[in-house]
Amino acid sequence: MHTYKPTLNLLQRKRCHRLNRKHEAREPLLKFLEEVNRKMKEDANMMKKKLEVVDLKIRKEENELEKKWEKKKTTRGQTSQKTKGRCFPWCRSILQHRQKAFGN
């Protein structure tokens, strides 16, 4: 007798020519599908890497813009504080006139 227990499918493929041909016809299809799956996995990994690179670029640009706006805010605040008490001579007279008129 056999030392191993053969499955029903193995016995049928060995004995039945139709099933044997069917099995042989499936082999190229299965190989093709394995190749397609492998390519899909490679593409997915490549897209993940590209996505990570794009995400890093976006984060870097966002940080640069935040720094730029912070710098603009600080310089804008400094310039407004420097020019707060200053005005042109012709403007000063107008402002004083308005302050007297409105009582501010």
C-alpha atoms as a PDB file:
ATOM      1  CA  MET A   1       0.000   0.000   0.000  1.00  0.00           C
ATOM      2  CA  HIS A   2       0.857   3.680  -0.104  1.00  0.00           C
ATOM      3  CA  THR A   3       2.819   5.278   2.701  1.00  0.00           C
ATOM      4  CA  TYR A   4       0.918   8.525   2.279  1.00  0.00           C
ATOM      5  CA  LYS A   5      -2.743   9.159   1.870  1.00  0.00           C
ATOM      6  CA  PRO A   6      -3.333  10.578  -1.631  1.00  0.00           C
ATOM      7  CA  THR A   7      -6.093  13.126  -2.058  1.00  0.00           C
ATOM      8  CA  LEU A   8      -9.029  12.567  -4.314  1.00  0.00           C
ATOM      9  CA  ASN A   9      -7.936  15.316  -6.687  1.00  0.00           C
ATOM     10  CA  LEU A  10      -4.518  13.761  -7.199  1.00  0.00           C
ATOM     11  CA  LEU A  11      -6.021  10.393  -7.985  1.00  0.00           C
ATOM     12  CA  GLN A  12      -8.525  11.888 -10.389  1.00  0.00           C
ATOM     13  CA  ARG A  13      -5.927  13.926 -12.242  1.00  0.00           C
ATOM     14  CA  LYS A  14      -3.682  10.920 -12.641  1.00  0.00           C
ATOM     15  CA  ARG A  15      -6.434   8.685 -13.921  1.00  0.00           C
ATOM     16  CA  CYS A  16      -8.696  11.020 -15.869  1.00  0.00           C
ATOM     17  CA  HIS A  17      -7.223  12.493 -19.066  1.00  0.00           C
ATOM     18  CA  ARG A  18      -9.804  15.291 -19.222  1.00  0.00           C
ATOM     19  CA  LEU A  19      -8.957  16.517 -15.707  1.00  0.00           C
ATOM     20  CA  ASN A  20      -5.259  16.128 -16.424  1.00  0.00           C
ATOM     21  CA  ARG A  21      -5.554  18.356 -19.524  1.00  0.00           C
ATOM     22  CA  LYS A  22      -7.672  20.835 -17.580  1.00  0.00           C
ATOM     23  CA  HIS A  23      -5.028  21.039 -14.857  1.00  0.00           C
ATOM     24  CA  GLU A  24      -2.249  21.526 -17.412  1.00  0.00           C
ATOM     25  CA  ALA A  25      -4.246  24.264 -19.145  1.00  0.00           C
ATOM     26  CA  ARG A  26      -4.642  26.125 -15.845  1.00  0.00           C
ATOM     27  CA  GLU A  27      -0.913  26.211 -15.107  1.00  0.00           C
ATOM     28  CA  PRO A  28      -0.037  28.985 -17.618  1.00  0.00           C
ATOM     29  CA  LEU A  29      -3.003  31.028 -16.444  1.00  0.00           C
ATOM     30  CA  LEU A  30      -1.924  30.678 -12.819  1.00  0.00           C
ATOM     31  CA  LYS A  31       1.644  31.672 -13.728  1.00  0.00           C
ATOM     32  CA  PHE A  32       0.323  34.707 -15.596  1.00  0.00           C
ATOM     33  CA  LEU A  33      -1.846  35.712 -12.644  1.00  0.00           C
ATOM     34  CA  GLU A  34       1.096  35.333 -10.254  1.00  0.00           C
ATOM     35  CA  GLU A  35       3.156  37.606 -12.514  1.00  0.00           C
ATOM     36  CA  VAL A  36       0.361  40.198 -12.613  1.00  0.00           C
ATOM     37  CA  ASN A  37       0.032  40.085  -8.816  1.00  0.00           C
ATOM     38  CA  ARG A  38       3.784  40.523  -8.432  1.00  0.00           C
ATOM     39  CA  LYS A  39       3.760  43.568 -10.718  1.00  0.00           C
ATOM     40  CA  MET A  40       0.808  45.030  -8.829  1.00  0.00           C
ATOM     41  CA  LYS A  41       2.663  44.645  -5.523  1.00  0.00           C
ATOM     42  CA  GLU A  42       5.760  46.312  -6.996  1.00  0.00           C
ATOM     43  CA  ASP A  43       3.639  49.197  -8.307  1.00  0.00           C
ATOM     44  CA  ALA A  44       1.915  49.564  -4.938  1.00  0.00           C
ATOM     45  CA  ASN A  45       5.281  49.709  -3.135  1.00  0.00           C
ATOM     46  CA  MET A  46       6.598  52.232  -5.646  1.00  0.00           C
ATOM     47  CA  MET A  47       3.494  54.410  -5.205  1.00  0.00           C
ATOM     48  CA  LYS A  48       3.892  54.238  -1.406  1.00  0.00           C
ATOM     49  CA  LYS A  49       7.456  55.501  -1.720  1.00  0.00           C
ATOM     50  CA  LYS A  50       6.375  58.311  -4.051  1.00  0.00           C
ATOM     51  CA  LEU A  51       3.564  59.251  -1.684  1.00  0.00           C
ATOM     52  CA  GLU A  52       6.008  59.449   1.237  1.00  0.00           C
ATOM     53  CA  VAL A  53       8.310  61.702  -0.797  1.00  0.00           C
ATOM     54  CA  VAL A  54       5.414  63.976  -1.781  1.00  0.00           C
ATOM     55  CA  ASP A  55       4.193  64.113   1.827  1.00  0.00           C
ATOM     56  CA  LEU A  56       7.682  65.134   2.977  1.00  0.00           C
ATOM     57  CA  LYS A  57       7.811  67.876   0.342  1.00  0.00           C
ATOM     58  CA  ILE A  58       4.382  69.165   1.389  1.00  0.00           C
ATOM     59  CA  ARG A  59       5.337  69.225   5.070  1.00  0.00           C
ATOM     60  CA  LYS A  60       8.598  71.009   4.247  1.00  0.00           C
ATOM     61  CA  GLU A  61       6.781  73.659   2.187  1.00  0.00           C
ATOM     62  CA  GLU A  62       4.186  74.146   4.931  1.00  0.00           C
ATOM     63  CA  ASN A  63       6.938  74.661   7.518  1.00  0.00           C
ATOM     64  CA  GLU A  64       8.723  77.130   5.246  1.00  0.00           C
ATOM     65  CA  LEU A  65       5.503  79.092   4.706  1.00  0.00           C
ATOM     66  CA  GLU A  66       4.785  79.142   8.438  1.00  0.00           C
ATOM     67  CA  LYS A  67       8.293  80.464   9.137  1.00  0.00           C
ATOM     68  CA  LYS A  68       7.889  83.044   6.391  1.00  0.00           C
ATOM     69  CA  TRP A  69       4.567  84.280   7.798  1.00  0.00           C
ATOM     70  CA  GLU A  70       5.941  84.363  11.343  1.00  0.00           C
ATOM     71  CA  LYS A  71       8.852  86.440  10.089  1.00  0.00           C
ATOM     72  CA  LYS A  72       6.469  88.786   8.267  1.00  0.00           C
ATOM     73  CA  LYS A  73       4.309  89.123  11.380  1.00  0.00           C
ATOM     74  CA  THR A  74       7.289  90.033  13.544  1.00  0.00           C
ATOM     75  CA  THR A  75       8.667  92.540  11.025  1.00  0.00           C
ATOM     76  CA  ARG A  76       5.220  94.036  10.485  1.00  0.00           C
ATOM     77  CA  GLY A  77       4.776  94.435  14.236  1.00  0.00           C
ATOM     78  CA  GLN A  78       8.219  95.986  14.616  1.00  0.00           C
ATOM     79  CA  THR A  79       7.691  98.486  11.804  1.00  0.00           C
ATOM     80  CA  SER A  80       4.273  99.484  13.099  1.00  0.00           C
ATOM     81  CA  GLN A  81       5.748 100.089  16.564  1.00  0.00           C
ATOM     82  CA  LYS A  82       8.603 102.145  15.123  1.00  0.00           C
ATOM     83  CA  THR A  83       6.288 104.411  13.137  1.00  0.00           C
ATOM     84  CA  LYS A  84       3.569 104.606  15.753  1.00  0.00           C
ATOM     85  CA  GLY A  85       4.343 108.105  17.037  1.00  0.00           C
ATOM     86  CA  ARG A  86       5.674 109.488  13.790  1.00  0.00           C
ATOM     87  CA  CYS A  87       3.743 111.186  11.082  1.00  0.00           C
ATOM     88  CA  PHE A  88       4.325 113.805   8.437  1.00  0.00           C
ATOM     89  CA  PRO A  89       4.141 117.464   9.471  1.00  0.00           C
ATOM     90  CA  TRP A  90       1.118 118.198   7.316  1.00  0.00           C
ATOM     91  CA  CYS A  91      -0.587 115.064   8.666  1.00  0.00           C
ATOM     92  CA  ARG A  92       0.134 116.049  12.264  1.00  0.00           C
ATOM     93  CA  SER A  93      -1.812 119.250  11.980  1.00  0.00           C
ATOM     94  CA  ILE A  94      -4.806 117.429  10.502  1.00  0.00           C
ATOM     95  CA  LEU A  95      -4.714 114.805  13.250  1.00  0.00           C
ATOM     96  CA  GLN A  96      -4.486 117.441  15.981  1.00  0.00           C
ATOM     97  CA  HIS A  97      -7.378 119.331  14.452  1.00  0.00           C
ATOM     98  CA  ARG A  98      -9.533 116.169  14.396  1.00  0.00           C
ATOM     99  CA  GLN A  99      -8.602 115.273  17.964  1.00  0.00           C
ATOM    100  CA  LYS A 100      -9.635 118.719  19.153  1.00  0.00           C
ATOM    101  CA  ALA A 101     -12.863 118.563  17.186  1.00  0.00           C
ATOM    102  CA  PHE A 102     -13.938 115.122  18.385  1.00  0.00           C
ATOM    103  CA  GLY A 103     -12.488 115.385  21.850  1.00  0.00           C
ATOM    104  CA  ASN A 104     -10.282 112.290  21.630  1.00  0.00           C
END
